[in-house]
């Protein structure tokens, strides 16, 4: 006859053995602890009005018209101040791509150079307007555009090589890839001088050390 194991009340009241689900109606210790940590969860809003009301409560007290105007003016002032510092070359206000002495030196090389690459957009727009005004010369405009693109590409390669060569001499410990620095220089050279950010700190034709 098969014997029946004696009933152990202490074992039934304790934690369930590993790999065995706890009795029905009694949460496992992990779930109970997690519920205590999270606390009560607010029910999801049933309507859009309830959702808007909840967002307003989370946003805090509502500002009046004068306070909103003052906050907007303050934000504009901070943005204008930061932009001015960035345009002036303040290192703390520059974008990540423009920071560091290597990038500053690369900008100075480009800004001191007479770049043919910067004329691409004005010349291209001028040719397009001429083509629209005089459709009969369209046959000659297309080769001119192709020649312009070739010249701009050559000038971009030249300015990139010049910048990387000078950077290697001035900063021999620089670890930035040459192609990335060359693209940065070509991108700045392709922008009109008055639209460059940060604004140029050297004159055209100025000799750099």
N, C-alpha and C. Protein backbone atom coordinates (compact mmCIF):
# COMPACT_ATOMS: atom_id res chain seq x y z
N UNK A 1 0.85 -1.20 0.00
CA UNK A 1 0.00 0.00 0.00
C UNK A 1 0.89 1.24 0.00
N UNK A 2 0.52 2.23 -0.87
CA UNK A 2 1.35 3.44 -1.01
C UNK A 2 1.09 4.34 0.17
N UNK A 3 2.18 4.74 0.82
CA UNK A 3 2.04 5.62 1.97
C UNK A 3 1.80 7.05 1.55
N UNK A 4 1.20 7.80 2.42
CA UNK A 4 0.91 9.22 2.17
C UNK A 4 1.85 10.04 3.01
N UNK A 5 2.49 11.03 2.37
CA UNK A 5 3.44 11.86 3.11
C UNK A 5 2.71 12.67 4.14
N UNK A 6 3.31 12.83 5.30
CA UNK A 6 2.65 13.61 6.36
C UNK A 6 2.49 15.06 5.96
N UNK A 7 1.42 15.66 6.43
CA UNK A 7 1.13 17.06 6.12
C UNK A 7 2.00 17.97 6.95
N UNK A 8 2.67 18.86 6.24
CA UNK A 8 3.57 19.80 6.92
C UNK A 8 3.00 21.19 6.76
N UNK A 9 2.39 21.71 7.78
CA UNK A 9 1.75 23.01 7.70
C UNK A 9 2.72 24.14 7.48
N UNK A 10 3.93 24.03 8.07
CA UNK A 10 4.90 25.11 7.93
C UNK A 10 5.34 25.24 6.49
N UNK A 11 5.44 24.06 5.81
CA UNK A 11 5.91 24.12 4.43
C UNK A 11 4.86 24.74 3.53
N UNK A 12 3.55 24.46 3.81
CA UNK A 12 2.49 25.01 2.95
C UNK A 12 2.36 26.50 3.10
N UNK A 13 2.69 27.02 4.27
CA UNK A 13 2.55 28.46 4.48
C UNK A 13 3.75 29.24 3.97
N UNK A 14 4.83 28.58 3.72
CA UNK A 14 6.02 29.28 3.26
C UNK A 14 6.00 29.49 1.77
N UNK A 15 7.16 29.89 1.23
CA UNK A 15 7.29 30.16 -0.21
C UNK A 15 7.25 28.86 -0.96
N UNK A 16 6.71 28.87 -2.17
CA UNK A 16 6.63 27.67 -3.00
C UNK A 16 8.00 27.28 -3.47
N UNK A 17 8.24 25.97 -3.64
CA UNK A 17 9.56 25.54 -4.11
C UNK A 17 9.87 26.13 -5.46
N UNK A 18 11.17 26.14 -5.81
CA UNK A 18 11.61 26.71 -7.08
C UNK A 18 10.98 25.94 -8.22
N UNK A 19 10.51 26.68 -9.25
CA UNK A 19 9.91 26.05 -10.42
C UNK A 19 8.46 25.71 -10.26
N UNK A 20 7.84 25.97 -9.07
CA UNK A 20 6.43 25.65 -8.83
C UNK A 20 5.66 26.94 -8.67
N UNK A 21 4.53 27.09 -9.37
CA UNK A 21 3.71 28.30 -9.30
C UNK A 21 3.04 28.40 -7.93
N UNK A 22 2.97 29.60 -7.41
CA UNK A 22 2.36 29.81 -6.10
C UNK A 22 0.88 29.47 -6.17
N UNK A 23 0.23 29.10 -5.03
CA UNK A 23 -1.19 28.75 -5.02
C UNK A 23 -2.04 29.87 -5.58
N UNK A 24 -3.18 29.50 -6.16
CA UNK A 24 -4.07 30.47 -6.77
C UNK A 24 -4.57 31.48 -5.73
N UNK A 25 -4.61 32.73 -6.16
CA UNK A 25 -5.07 33.79 -5.27
C UNK A 25 -3.98 34.37 -4.40
N UNK A 26 -2.77 33.83 -4.49
CA UNK A 26 -1.67 34.35 -3.66
C UNK A 26 -0.54 34.75 -4.59
N UNK A 27 -0.26 36.07 -4.74
CA UNK A 27 0.79 36.51 -5.69
C UNK A 27 2.17 36.06 -5.22
N UNK A 28 3.02 35.85 -6.19
CA UNK A 28 4.40 35.49 -5.86
C UNK A 28 5.08 36.67 -5.19
N UNK A 29 6.14 36.41 -4.42
CA UNK A 29 6.85 37.52 -3.75
C UNK A 29 7.34 38.57 -4.71
N UNK A 30 7.78 38.20 -5.92
CA UNK A 30 8.31 39.18 -6.87
C UNK A 30 7.22 40.14 -7.32
N UNK A 31 6.05 39.62 -7.66
CA UNK A 31 4.97 40.50 -8.09
C UNK A 31 4.52 41.42 -6.98
N UNK A 32 4.44 40.90 -5.78
CA UNK A 32 4.01 41.71 -4.65
C UNK A 32 4.99 42.85 -4.41
N UNK A 33 6.30 42.53 -4.46
CA UNK A 33 7.30 43.58 -4.24
C UNK A 33 7.25 44.62 -5.34
N UNK A 34 7.05 44.17 -6.61
CA UNK A 34 6.99 45.13 -7.71
C UNK A 34 5.78 46.05 -7.58
N UNK A 35 4.65 45.47 -7.13
CA UNK A 35 3.45 46.30 -6.95
C UNK A 35 3.66 47.35 -5.88
N UNK A 36 4.38 46.99 -4.81
CA UNK A 36 4.65 47.95 -3.74
C UNK A 36 5.56 49.06 -4.23
N UNK A 37 6.54 48.71 -5.11
CA UNK A 37 7.45 49.74 -5.61
C UNK A 37 6.74 50.71 -6.55
N UNK A 38 5.89 50.18 -7.42
CA UNK A 38 5.24 51.04 -8.40
C UNK A 38 4.14 51.89 -7.79
N UNK A 39 3.44 51.38 -6.86
CA UNK A 39 2.32 52.11 -6.29
C UNK A 39 1.11 52.02 -7.19
N UNK A 40 0.04 52.69 -6.85
CA UNK A 40 -1.19 52.63 -7.66
C UNK A 40 -0.98 53.28 -9.02
N UNK A 41 -1.52 52.67 -10.06
CA UNK A 41 -1.40 53.17 -11.43
C UNK A 41 -2.70 53.86 -11.81
N UNK A 42 -2.57 55.09 -12.32
CA UNK A 42 -3.77 55.85 -12.70
C UNK A 42 -4.40 55.21 -13.92
N UNK A 43 -5.74 55.13 -13.95
CA UNK A 43 -6.41 54.54 -15.12
C UNK A 43 -6.21 55.40 -16.36
N UNK A 44 -6.21 54.75 -17.52
CA UNK A 44 -6.03 55.47 -18.77
C UNK A 44 -7.24 56.37 -19.02
N UNK A 45 -7.01 57.55 -19.62
CA UNK A 45 -8.15 58.45 -19.91
C UNK A 45 -9.08 57.81 -20.92
N UNK A 46 -10.37 58.01 -20.70
CA UNK A 46 -11.39 57.40 -21.55
C UNK A 46 -11.75 58.30 -22.73
N UNK A 47 -11.57 59.62 -22.58
CA UNK A 47 -11.93 60.56 -23.64
C UNK A 47 -10.77 61.51 -23.89
N UNK A 48 -10.84 62.23 -25.01
CA UNK A 48 -9.81 63.21 -25.32
C UNK A 48 -9.83 64.37 -24.33
N UNK A 49 -11.00 64.69 -23.79
CA UNK A 49 -11.08 65.77 -22.80
C UNK A 49 -10.32 65.38 -21.54
N UNK A 50 -10.47 64.14 -21.10
CA UNK A 50 -9.72 63.70 -19.93
C UNK A 50 -8.23 63.71 -20.20
N UNK A 51 -7.82 63.34 -21.41
CA UNK A 51 -6.40 63.37 -21.75
C UNK A 51 -5.85 64.79 -21.72
N UNK A 52 -6.62 65.76 -22.25
CA UNK A 52 -6.18 67.16 -22.21
C UNK A 52 -6.09 67.66 -20.78
N UNK A 53 -7.06 67.31 -19.96
CA UNK A 53 -7.03 67.74 -18.56
C UNK A 53 -5.82 67.17 -17.83
N UNK A 54 -5.49 65.92 -18.12
CA UNK A 54 -4.33 65.31 -17.47
C UNK A 54 -3.04 65.99 -17.93
N UNK A 55 -2.95 66.34 -19.21
CA UNK A 55 -1.76 67.04 -19.69
C UNK A 55 -1.63 68.40 -19.04
N UNK A 56 -2.74 69.09 -18.85
CA UNK A 56 -2.69 70.40 -18.20
C UNK A 56 -2.21 70.28 -16.76
N UNK A 57 -2.68 69.25 -16.07
CA UNK A 57 -2.25 69.06 -14.69
C UNK A 57 -0.76 68.75 -14.60
N UNK A 58 -0.27 67.94 -15.55
CA UNK A 58 1.16 67.63 -15.54
C UNK A 58 2.00 68.83 -15.94
N UNK A 59 1.46 69.71 -16.78
CA UNK A 59 2.22 70.88 -17.23
C UNK A 59 2.37 71.93 -16.15
N UNK A 60 1.57 71.88 -15.11
CA UNK A 60 1.68 72.84 -14.03
C UNK A 60 0.73 74.01 -14.22
N UNK A 61 0.91 75.05 -13.44
CA UNK A 61 -0.01 76.20 -13.50
C UNK A 61 0.05 76.89 -14.86
N UNK A 62 -1.08 77.34 -15.33
CA UNK A 62 -1.17 78.00 -16.62
C UNK A 62 -0.72 79.44 -16.51
N UNK A 63 0.09 79.88 -17.51
CA UNK A 63 0.60 81.23 -17.50
C UNK A 63 -0.42 82.16 -18.17
N UNK A 64 -0.44 83.40 -17.68
CA UNK A 64 -1.31 84.37 -18.33
C UNK A 64 -0.62 84.95 -19.56
N UNK A 65 -1.27 85.85 -20.23
CA UNK A 65 -0.77 86.37 -21.50
C UNK A 65 0.56 87.09 -21.33
N UNK A 66 0.66 87.90 -20.29
CA UNK A 66 1.90 88.65 -20.06
C UNK A 66 3.05 87.72 -19.71
N UNK A 67 2.78 86.72 -18.91
CA UNK A 67 3.83 85.77 -18.53
C UNK A 67 4.30 84.97 -19.75
N UNK A 68 3.38 84.55 -20.60
CA UNK A 68 3.76 83.84 -21.82
C UNK A 68 4.61 84.72 -22.74
N UNK A 69 4.23 85.99 -22.84
CA UNK A 69 4.99 86.92 -23.68
C UNK A 69 6.39 87.12 -23.12
N UNK A 70 6.49 87.25 -21.80
CA UNK A 70 7.80 87.43 -21.19
C UNK A 70 8.67 86.19 -21.36
N UNK A 71 8.06 84.99 -21.19
CA UNK A 71 8.82 83.75 -21.36
C UNK A 71 9.30 83.59 -22.80
N UNK A 72 8.44 83.94 -23.77
CA UNK A 72 8.84 83.85 -25.17
C UNK A 72 9.96 84.82 -25.49
N UNK A 73 9.88 86.03 -24.96
CA UNK A 73 10.93 87.02 -25.20
C UNK A 73 12.25 86.56 -24.59
N UNK A 74 12.16 85.94 -23.41
CA UNK A 74 13.38 85.44 -22.76
C UNK A 74 14.01 84.32 -23.59
N UNK A 75 13.18 83.42 -24.13
CA UNK A 75 13.72 82.35 -24.96
C UNK A 75 14.37 82.91 -26.22
N UNK A 76 13.73 83.89 -26.85
CA UNK A 76 14.32 84.50 -28.04
C UNK A 76 15.64 85.17 -27.73
N UNK A 77 15.70 85.83 -26.57
CA UNK A 77 16.93 86.51 -26.18
C UNK A 77 18.07 85.50 -25.95
N UNK A 78 17.74 84.39 -25.29
CA UNK A 78 18.76 83.35 -25.06
C UNK A 78 19.24 82.75 -26.37
N UNK A 79 18.31 82.48 -27.29
CA UNK A 79 18.68 81.91 -28.58
C UNK A 79 19.53 82.88 -29.39
N UNK A 80 19.16 84.16 -29.36
CA UNK A 80 19.94 85.17 -30.09
C UNK A 80 21.35 85.30 -29.51
N UNK A 81 21.43 85.27 -28.18
CA UNK A 81 22.74 85.36 -27.54
C UNK A 81 23.61 84.15 -27.88
N UNK A 82 23.00 82.96 -27.85
CA UNK A 82 23.77 81.76 -28.19
C UNK A 82 24.22 81.79 -29.65
N UNK A 83 23.34 82.22 -30.54
CA UNK A 83 23.71 82.29 -31.96
C UNK A 83 24.84 83.28 -32.19
N UNK A 84 24.78 84.42 -31.50
CA UNK A 84 25.84 85.42 -31.67
C UNK A 84 27.17 84.86 -31.18
N UNK A 85 27.14 84.15 -30.07
CA UNK A 85 28.37 83.53 -29.57
C UNK A 85 28.89 82.48 -30.54
N UNK A 86 27.97 81.72 -31.13
CA UNK A 86 28.37 80.71 -32.10
C UNK A 86 28.96 81.36 -33.34
N UNK A 87 28.32 82.41 -33.84
CA UNK A 87 28.84 83.09 -35.03
C UNK A 87 30.20 83.73 -34.77
N UNK A 88 30.43 84.15 -33.52
CA UNK A 88 31.71 84.75 -33.17
C UNK A 88 32.80 83.71 -32.94
N UNK A 89 32.44 82.42 -32.92
CA UNK A 89 33.44 81.37 -32.76
C UNK A 89 33.67 80.96 -31.32
N UNK A 90 32.73 81.30 -30.42
CA UNK A 90 32.86 80.88 -29.02
C UNK A 90 32.77 79.35 -28.96
N UNK A 91 33.82 78.72 -28.42
CA UNK A 91 33.90 77.27 -28.42
C UNK A 91 32.75 76.62 -27.67
N UNK A 92 32.28 77.23 -26.60
CA UNK A 92 31.21 76.63 -25.81
C UNK A 92 29.86 76.67 -26.51
N UNK A 93 29.70 77.52 -27.51
CA UNK A 93 28.42 77.65 -28.21
C UNK A 93 28.43 76.99 -29.58
N UNK A 94 29.55 76.44 -30.00
CA UNK A 94 29.65 75.84 -31.33
C UNK A 94 28.98 74.48 -31.37
N UNK A 95 28.58 74.07 -32.56
CA UNK A 95 28.10 72.72 -32.76
C UNK A 95 29.25 71.74 -32.60
N UNK A 96 28.92 70.49 -32.36
CA UNK A 96 29.95 69.49 -32.12
C UNK A 96 30.89 69.36 -33.31
N UNK A 97 30.38 69.49 -34.52
CA UNK A 97 31.22 69.33 -35.71
C UNK A 97 32.23 70.46 -35.88
N UNK A 98 31.99 71.62 -35.25
CA UNK A 98 32.85 72.79 -35.42
C UNK A 98 33.84 72.98 -34.27
N UNK A 99 33.82 72.12 -33.28
CA UNK A 99 34.64 72.35 -32.10
C UNK A 99 36.06 71.81 -32.30
N UNK A 100 36.97 72.43 -31.55
CA UNK A 100 38.34 71.96 -31.55
C UNK A 100 39.27 72.85 -32.37
N UNK A 101 40.55 72.87 -32.01
CA UNK A 101 41.51 73.71 -32.74
C UNK A 101 41.73 73.26 -34.17
N UNK A 102 41.58 71.97 -34.45
CA UNK A 102 41.78 71.48 -35.81
C UNK A 102 40.71 72.02 -36.74
N UNK A 103 39.45 71.95 -36.32
CA UNK A 103 38.37 72.46 -37.13
C UNK A 103 38.48 73.99 -37.29
N UNK A 104 38.90 74.68 -36.25
CA UNK A 104 39.07 76.14 -36.35
C UNK A 104 40.15 76.48 -37.37
N UNK A 105 41.24 75.74 -37.33
CA UNK A 105 42.32 75.99 -38.28
C UNK A 105 41.87 75.67 -39.71
N UNK A 106 41.08 74.60 -39.88
CA UNK A 106 40.56 74.26 -41.21
C UNK A 106 39.65 75.37 -41.73
N UNK A 107 38.81 75.94 -40.86
CA UNK A 107 37.95 77.05 -41.28
C UNK A 107 38.77 78.25 -41.71
N UNK A 108 39.83 78.55 -40.96
CA UNK A 108 40.67 79.70 -41.32
C UNK A 108 41.33 79.50 -42.68
N UNK A 109 41.76 78.28 -42.98
CA UNK A 109 42.38 78.01 -44.28
C UNK A 109 41.38 78.25 -45.40
N UNK A 110 40.18 77.74 -45.22
CA UNK A 110 39.14 77.92 -46.25
C UNK A 110 38.77 79.38 -46.39
N UNK A 111 38.62 80.09 -45.27
CA UNK A 111 38.17 81.49 -45.32
C UNK A 111 39.25 82.41 -45.90
N UNK A 112 40.50 82.04 -45.77
CA UNK A 112 41.58 82.86 -46.32
C UNK A 112 41.82 82.59 -47.81
N UNK A 113 41.13 81.60 -48.36
CA UNK A 113 41.34 81.18 -49.75
C UNK A 113 40.24 81.75 -50.65
N UNK A 114 40.59 82.03 -51.91
CA UNK A 114 39.60 82.41 -52.91
C UNK A 114 39.04 81.11 -53.48
N UNK A 115 37.82 80.77 -53.10
CA UNK A 115 37.25 79.49 -53.45
C UNK A 115 36.32 79.60 -54.65
N UNK A 116 36.62 78.85 -55.69
CA UNK A 116 35.74 78.77 -56.83
C UNK A 116 34.48 77.98 -56.49
N UNK A 117 34.60 77.09 -55.52
CA UNK A 117 33.48 76.24 -55.14
C UNK A 117 32.31 77.04 -54.59
N UNK A 118 32.57 78.17 -53.97
CA UNK A 118 31.52 78.99 -53.40
C UNK A 118 30.65 79.68 -54.44
N UNK A 119 31.10 79.71 -55.70
CA UNK A 119 30.34 80.36 -56.75
C UNK A 119 29.35 79.42 -57.44
N UNK A 120 29.31 78.17 -56.99
CA UNK A 120 28.48 77.20 -57.70
C UNK A 120 27.01 77.59 -57.71
N UNK A 121 26.45 77.85 -56.52
CA UNK A 121 25.02 78.16 -56.44
C UNK A 121 24.66 79.45 -57.19
N UNK A 122 25.38 80.57 -56.99
CA UNK A 122 25.01 81.78 -57.75
C UNK A 122 25.11 81.59 -59.26
N UNK A 123 26.18 80.95 -59.72
CA UNK A 123 26.34 80.75 -61.17
C UNK A 123 25.27 79.81 -61.71
N UNK A 124 24.98 78.73 -60.97
CA UNK A 124 23.96 77.78 -61.42
C UNK A 124 22.59 78.45 -61.51
N UNK A 125 22.24 79.26 -60.51
CA UNK A 125 20.95 79.96 -60.55
C UNK A 125 20.91 80.96 -61.71
N UNK A 126 22.04 81.65 -61.93
CA UNK A 126 22.09 82.59 -63.05
C UNK A 126 21.89 81.90 -64.38
N UNK A 127 22.52 80.75 -64.58
CA UNK A 127 22.36 80.01 -65.82
C UNK A 127 20.92 79.52 -66.00
N UNK A 128 20.28 79.12 -64.90
CA UNK A 128 18.90 78.65 -64.99
C UNK A 128 17.96 79.79 -65.40
N UNK A 129 18.18 80.98 -64.84
CA UNK A 129 17.33 82.12 -65.22
C UNK A 129 17.55 82.50 -66.69
N UNK A 130 18.80 82.44 -67.12
CA UNK A 130 19.08 82.74 -68.53
C UNK A 130 18.40 81.72 -69.44
N UNK A 131 18.43 80.46 -69.04
CA UNK A 131 17.83 79.41 -69.84
C UNK A 131 16.31 79.59 -69.92
N UNK A 132 15.68 80.03 -68.83
CA UNK A 132 14.23 80.26 -68.87
C UNK A 132 13.88 81.49 -69.68
N UNK A 133 14.75 82.51 -69.63
CA UNK A 133 14.46 83.73 -70.40
C UNK A 133 14.75 83.54 -71.88
N UNK A 134 15.77 82.74 -72.20
CA UNK A 134 16.15 82.52 -73.60
C UNK A 134 16.21 81.03 -73.87
N UNK A 135 15.09 80.40 -74.11
CA UNK A 135 15.08 78.94 -74.30
C UNK A 135 15.90 78.50 -75.51
N UNK A 136 16.16 79.39 -76.47
CA UNK A 136 16.88 78.99 -77.66
C UNK A 136 18.35 78.68 -77.39
N UNK A 137 18.88 79.14 -76.25
CA UNK A 137 20.29 78.85 -75.94
C UNK A 137 20.42 77.67 -74.97
N UNK A 138 19.35 76.94 -74.77
CA UNK A 138 19.39 75.79 -73.86
C UNK A 138 20.43 74.77 -74.31
N UNK A 139 20.64 74.68 -75.60
CA UNK A 139 21.63 73.72 -76.13
C UNK A 139 23.02 74.01 -75.60
N UNK A 140 23.32 75.31 -75.33
CA UNK A 140 24.64 75.68 -74.84
C UNK A 140 24.71 75.70 -73.32
N UNK A 141 23.56 75.85 -72.67
CA UNK A 141 23.56 75.93 -71.21
C UNK A 141 23.90 74.58 -70.58
N UNK A 142 23.39 73.50 -71.12
CA UNK A 142 23.64 72.19 -70.52
C UNK A 142 25.13 71.84 -70.48
N UNK A 143 25.89 72.01 -71.57
CA UNK A 143 27.34 71.76 -71.46
C UNK A 143 28.03 72.70 -70.47
N UNK A 144 27.54 73.95 -70.40
CA UNK A 144 28.13 74.89 -69.45
C UNK A 144 27.91 74.43 -68.01
N UNK A 145 26.72 73.90 -67.73
CA UNK A 145 26.45 73.38 -66.40
C UNK A 145 27.34 72.18 -66.07
N UNK A 146 27.53 71.31 -67.03
CA UNK A 146 28.40 70.15 -66.80
C UNK A 146 29.83 70.59 -66.54
N UNK A 147 30.31 71.55 -67.32
CA UNK A 147 31.67 72.06 -67.10
C UNK A 147 31.80 72.72 -65.74
N UNK A 148 30.76 73.45 -65.34
CA UNK A 148 30.78 74.10 -64.02
C UNK A 148 30.86 73.06 -62.91
N UNK A 149 30.11 71.99 -63.02
CA UNK A 149 30.13 70.95 -62.00
C UNK A 149 31.50 70.28 -61.91
N UNK A 150 32.14 70.08 -63.06
CA UNK A 150 33.48 69.49 -63.06
C UNK A 150 34.47 70.41 -62.37
N UNK A 151 34.40 71.71 -62.69
CA UNK A 151 35.31 72.67 -62.07
C UNK A 151 35.10 72.74 -60.57
N UNK A 152 33.85 72.71 -60.13
CA UNK A 152 33.57 72.76 -58.70
C UNK A 152 34.10 71.51 -57.99
N UNK A 153 33.94 70.37 -58.64
CA UNK A 153 34.46 69.14 -58.05
C UNK A 153 35.97 69.16 -57.91
N UNK A 154 36.66 69.67 -58.93
CA UNK A 154 38.12 69.77 -58.86
C UNK A 154 38.54 70.73 -57.75
N UNK A 155 37.85 71.87 -57.65
CA UNK A 155 38.19 72.83 -56.60
C UNK A 155 37.92 72.26 -55.22
N UNK A 156 36.86 71.47 -55.07
CA UNK A 156 36.60 70.83 -53.78
C UNK A 156 37.71 69.87 -53.39
N UNK A 157 38.21 69.10 -54.35
CA UNK A 157 39.32 68.18 -54.07
C UNK A 157 40.56 68.97 -53.68
N UNK A 158 40.83 70.07 -54.37
CA UNK A 158 42.02 70.87 -54.08
C UNK A 158 41.96 71.48 -52.68
N UNK A 159 40.82 72.04 -52.32
CA UNK A 159 40.73 72.66 -51.00
C UNK A 159 40.80 71.61 -49.89
N UNK A 160 40.23 70.43 -50.13
CA UNK A 160 40.32 69.36 -49.14
C UNK A 160 41.75 68.90 -48.94
N UNK A 161 42.49 68.74 -50.03
CA UNK A 161 43.89 68.30 -49.92
C UNK A 161 44.75 69.37 -49.25
N UNK A 162 44.47 70.64 -49.57
CA UNK A 162 45.25 71.72 -48.95
C UNK A 162 45.04 71.75 -47.45
N UNK A 163 43.78 71.61 -47.02
CA UNK A 163 43.48 71.65 -45.59
C UNK A 163 44.12 70.47 -44.86
N UNK A 164 43.96 69.27 -45.38
CA UNK A 164 44.52 68.09 -44.70
C UNK A 164 46.05 68.16 -44.64
N UNK A 165 46.67 68.69 -45.69
CA UNK A 165 48.14 68.80 -45.69
C UNK A 165 48.63 69.77 -44.63
N UNK A 166 47.98 70.94 -44.55
CA UNK A 166 48.39 71.93 -43.56
C UNK A 166 48.09 71.47 -42.13
N UNK A 167 46.96 70.76 -41.95
CA UNK A 167 46.62 70.25 -40.62
C UNK A 167 47.65 69.21 -40.18
N UNK A 168 48.11 68.36 -41.09
CA UNK A 168 49.12 67.36 -40.74
C UNK A 168 50.41 68.00 -40.28
N UNK A 169 50.74 69.17 -40.84
CA UNK A 169 51.97 69.86 -40.45
C UNK A 169 51.80 70.55 -39.10
N UNK A 170 50.68 71.24 -38.92
CA UNK A 170 50.47 72.01 -37.69
C UNK A 170 50.06 71.13 -36.52
N UNK A 171 49.28 70.09 -36.79
CA UNK A 171 48.81 69.19 -35.73
C UNK A 171 49.17 67.74 -36.10
N UNK A 172 50.43 67.37 -35.92
CA UNK A 172 50.83 66.01 -36.32
C UNK A 172 50.16 64.90 -35.50
N UNK A 173 49.64 65.23 -34.33
CA UNK A 173 48.98 64.22 -33.49
C UNK A 173 47.49 64.10 -33.77
N UNK A 174 46.99 64.79 -34.78
CA UNK A 174 45.57 64.74 -35.09
C UNK A 174 45.19 63.34 -35.56
N UNK A 175 44.10 62.80 -34.99
CA UNK A 175 43.66 61.44 -35.32
C UNK A 175 42.39 61.43 -36.17
N UNK A 176 41.86 62.59 -36.52
CA UNK A 176 40.65 62.64 -37.32
C UNK A 176 40.93 62.14 -38.74
N UNK A 177 40.05 61.33 -39.32
CA UNK A 177 40.27 60.85 -40.69
C UNK A 177 40.44 62.01 -41.67
N UNK A 178 41.36 61.85 -42.61
CA UNK A 178 41.63 62.91 -43.58
C UNK A 178 40.43 63.19 -44.47
N UNK A 179 39.71 62.14 -44.86
CA UNK A 179 38.58 62.35 -45.77
C UNK A 179 37.46 63.13 -45.09
N UNK A 180 37.28 62.91 -43.78
CA UNK A 180 36.23 63.63 -43.06
C UNK A 180 36.59 65.11 -42.94
N UNK A 181 37.85 65.40 -42.66
CA UNK A 181 38.28 66.79 -42.58
C UNK A 181 38.21 67.46 -43.95
N UNK A 182 38.54 66.72 -45.00
CA UNK A 182 38.45 67.28 -46.34
C UNK A 182 37.01 67.60 -46.74
N UNK A 183 36.07 66.73 -46.38
CA UNK A 183 34.65 67.01 -46.65
C UNK A 183 34.17 68.23 -45.87
N UNK A 184 34.64 68.38 -44.65
CA UNK A 184 34.27 69.55 -43.84
C UNK A 184 34.76 70.83 -44.51
N UNK A 185 35.99 70.80 -45.00
CA UNK A 185 36.55 71.98 -45.66
C UNK A 185 35.81 72.28 -46.96
N UNK A 186 35.53 71.25 -47.76
CA UNK A 186 34.82 71.46 -49.02
C UNK A 186 33.40 71.97 -48.78
N UNK A 187 32.75 71.47 -47.75
CA UNK A 187 31.41 71.94 -47.44
C UNK A 187 31.39 73.42 -47.05
N UNK A 188 32.39 73.84 -46.30
CA UNK A 188 32.45 75.26 -45.93
C UNK A 188 32.80 76.12 -47.14
N UNK A 189 33.68 75.61 -47.99
CA UNK A 189 34.06 76.38 -49.18
C UNK A 189 32.90 76.54 -50.14
N UNK A 190 31.96 75.59 -50.15
CA UNK A 190 30.82 75.67 -51.07
C UNK A 190 29.75 76.63 -50.58
N UNK A 191 29.87 77.14 -49.36
CA UNK A 191 28.90 78.08 -48.80
C UNK A 191 29.37 79.51 -49.05
N UNK A 192 28.45 80.39 -49.40
CA UNK A 192 28.81 81.78 -49.58
C UNK A 192 29.45 82.34 -48.31
N UNK A 193 30.44 83.18 -48.47
CA UNK A 193 31.22 83.65 -47.33
C UNK A 193 30.36 84.31 -46.27
N UNK A 194 29.39 85.13 -46.67
CA UNK A 194 28.56 85.83 -45.68
C UNK A 194 27.55 84.91 -44.99
N UNK A 195 27.39 83.69 -45.49
CA UNK A 195 26.44 82.75 -44.90
C UNK A 195 27.13 81.67 -44.08
N UNK A 196 28.44 81.73 -43.93
CA UNK A 196 29.16 80.70 -43.20
C UNK A 196 28.98 80.87 -41.69
N UNK A 197 28.86 79.76 -41.01
CA UNK A 197 28.72 79.76 -39.55
C UNK A 197 29.71 78.72 -38.98
N UNK A 198 30.57 79.18 -38.05
CA UNK A 198 30.76 80.55 -37.56
C UNK A 198 31.30 81.46 -38.67
N UNK A 199 31.12 82.75 -38.48
CA UNK A 199 31.55 83.70 -39.49
C UNK A 199 33.08 83.69 -39.61
N UNK A 200 33.62 84.00 -40.78
CA UNK A 200 35.08 83.98 -40.98
C UNK A 200 35.80 84.90 -40.01
N UNK A 201 36.92 84.42 -39.51
CA UNK A 201 37.75 85.18 -38.58
C UNK A 201 39.01 85.74 -39.24
N UNK A 202 39.21 85.42 -40.51
CA UNK A 202 40.39 85.90 -41.24
C UNK A 202 39.92 86.54 -42.55
N UNK A 203 40.79 87.35 -43.14
CA UNK A 203 40.49 88.01 -44.41
C UNK A 203 40.89 87.12 -45.58
N UNK A 204 40.30 87.37 -46.73
CA UNK A 204 40.71 86.66 -47.93
C UNK A 204 42.14 87.04 -48.28
N UNK A 205 42.94 86.04 -48.62
CA UNK A 205 44.33 86.28 -48.97
C UNK A 205 45.26 86.40 -47.77
N UNK A 206 44.74 86.35 -46.56
CA UNK A 206 45.59 86.47 -45.37
C UNK A 206 46.47 85.24 -45.21
N UNK A 207 47.72 85.46 -44.89
CA UNK A 207 48.67 84.37 -44.72
C UNK A 207 48.53 83.79 -43.30
N UNK A 208 48.48 82.48 -43.22
CA UNK A 208 48.38 81.80 -41.94
C UNK A 208 49.72 81.16 -41.61
N UNK A 209 50.00 81.03 -40.30
CA UNK A 209 51.27 80.42 -39.91
C UNK A 209 51.24 78.91 -40.16
